[in-house]
Protein backbone atom coordinates (compact mmCIF):
# COMPACT_ATOMS: atom_id res chain seq x y z
CA MET A 1 147.25 123.30 203.50
CA ILE A 2 150.46 121.40 204.09
CA LEU A 3 150.54 117.92 202.59
CA PRO A 4 152.94 115.15 203.53
CA ARG A 5 155.76 114.57 201.05
CA THR A 6 157.94 111.60 200.20
CA GLU A 7 161.75 111.61 200.22
CA LYS A 8 161.70 112.63 196.53
CA GLY A 9 159.50 115.63 197.27
CA GLU A 10 156.31 114.11 195.86
CA VAL A 11 153.06 115.07 197.52
CA ARG A 12 151.02 112.29 199.07
CA MET A 13 147.28 112.62 199.62
CA SER A 14 144.29 110.34 200.01
CA GLU A 15 141.92 109.67 197.18
CA ALA A 16 139.21 111.77 198.86
CA GLU A 17 141.59 114.75 199.17
CA PHE A 18 142.64 114.34 195.55
CA SER A 19 139.02 114.20 194.41
CA ALA A 20 138.20 117.35 196.40
CA LEU A 21 141.21 119.12 194.90
CA LEU A 22 140.14 118.16 191.38
CA SER A 23 136.59 119.37 192.03
CA GLU A 24 137.83 122.75 193.27
CA ALA A 25 140.14 123.11 190.28
CA ALA A 26 137.37 122.19 187.83
CA GLU A 27 134.96 124.66 189.39
CA ALA A 28 137.54 127.46 189.34
CA GLY A 29 138.39 126.68 185.72
CA ALA A 30 134.74 126.68 184.67
CA LYS A 31 134.12 130.02 186.39
CA ARG A 32 137.19 131.51 184.71
CA ALA A 33 136.10 130.19 181.30
CA LEU A 34 132.62 131.69 181.72
CA ALA A 35 134.13 135.00 182.83
CA ASP A 36 136.46 135.02 179.82
CA ALA A 37 133.48 134.40 177.53
CA GLY A 38 131.56 137.21 179.22
CA ILE A 39 128.69 135.07 180.45
CA ASP A 40 129.31 135.06 184.17
CA GLY A 41 127.20 136.58 186.91
CA LYS A 42 123.60 136.22 187.91
CA ASP A 43 122.27 136.39 184.33
CA ALA A 44 124.57 133.64 183.01
CA ALA A 45 121.81 131.01 182.80
CA LEU A 46 119.55 133.40 180.89
CA ASP A 47 122.41 134.29 178.53
CA ILE A 48 123.10 130.62 177.80
CA ARG A 49 119.39 129.95 177.17
CA ASP A 50 119.31 132.91 174.78
CA LEU A 51 122.39 131.63 172.95
CA ARG A 52 120.88 128.18 172.59
CA SER A 53 117.64 129.69 171.31
CA LEU A 54 119.60 131.75 168.80
CA LEU A 55 121.44 128.66 167.59
CA ASP A 56 118.14 126.79 167.20
CA CYS A 57 116.79 129.66 165.12
CA ILE A 58 119.89 129.69 162.92
CA ARG A 59 119.57 125.94 162.33
CA PHE A 60 115.88 126.34 161.47
CA VAL A 61 116.59 129.17 159.02
CA ARG A 62 119.38 127.17 157.37
CA ARG A 63 117.13 124.12 157.00
CA THR A 64 114.29 126.23 155.62
CA ALA A 65 116.61 127.97 153.15
CA VAL A 66 117.84 124.63 151.82
CA GLN A 67 114.28 123.33 151.49
CA THR A 68 113.24 126.50 149.66
CA ALA A 69 116.18 126.23 147.26
CA VAL A 70 115.30 122.60 146.51
CA HIS A 71 111.66 123.55 145.89
CA LEU A 72 112.67 126.38 143.55
CA ILE A 73 115.05 124.19 141.58
CA THR A 74 112.45 121.42 141.32
CA THR A 75 109.77 123.86 140.20
CA GLY A 76 112.12 125.36 137.60
CA ILE A 77 112.93 121.94 136.18
CA MET A 78 109.24 121.01 136.04
CA LEU A 79 108.36 124.28 134.27
CA ALA A 80 111.17 123.76 131.75
CA LEU A 81 109.94 120.22 131.05
CA LEU A 82 106.35 121.42 130.62
CA ALA A 83 107.49 124.23 128.29
CA GLY A 84 109.50 121.72 126.25
CA ILE A 85 106.52 119.38 126.00
CA ALA A 86 104.24 122.24 125.00
CA LEU A 87 106.65 123.33 122.26
CA LYS A 88 107.13 119.76 121.03
CA LEU A 89 103.36 119.18 120.79
CA LYS A 90 102.85 122.63 119.23
CA ILE A 91 100.20 123.55 121.78
CA PHE A 92 100.83 127.26 121.36
CA GLY A 93 100.47 127.23 117.57
CA GLY A 94 104.08 126.87 116.59
CA SER A 95 105.36 127.27 113.01
CA PRO A 96 103.93 124.87 110.35
């Protein structure tokens, strides 16, 4: 493809040609990026769905772990308060 040039050597092209050139470059770059990441070919869509599913699972596990830690800490504090109250009221037959 030979494009017309100005006196300074600059390439001149119409907006439609420029848009087509950008589209081709973007598509080639995306294909190269997928190939570099190892998720190209006919199973690429399945691989990406699997990766997204894995990320969703990791987020769920992280959220559940935080909730469990909060529940354990809260339960521990409540048990310590109840034990302190029981000792203060001498419910378990403390010393005279």
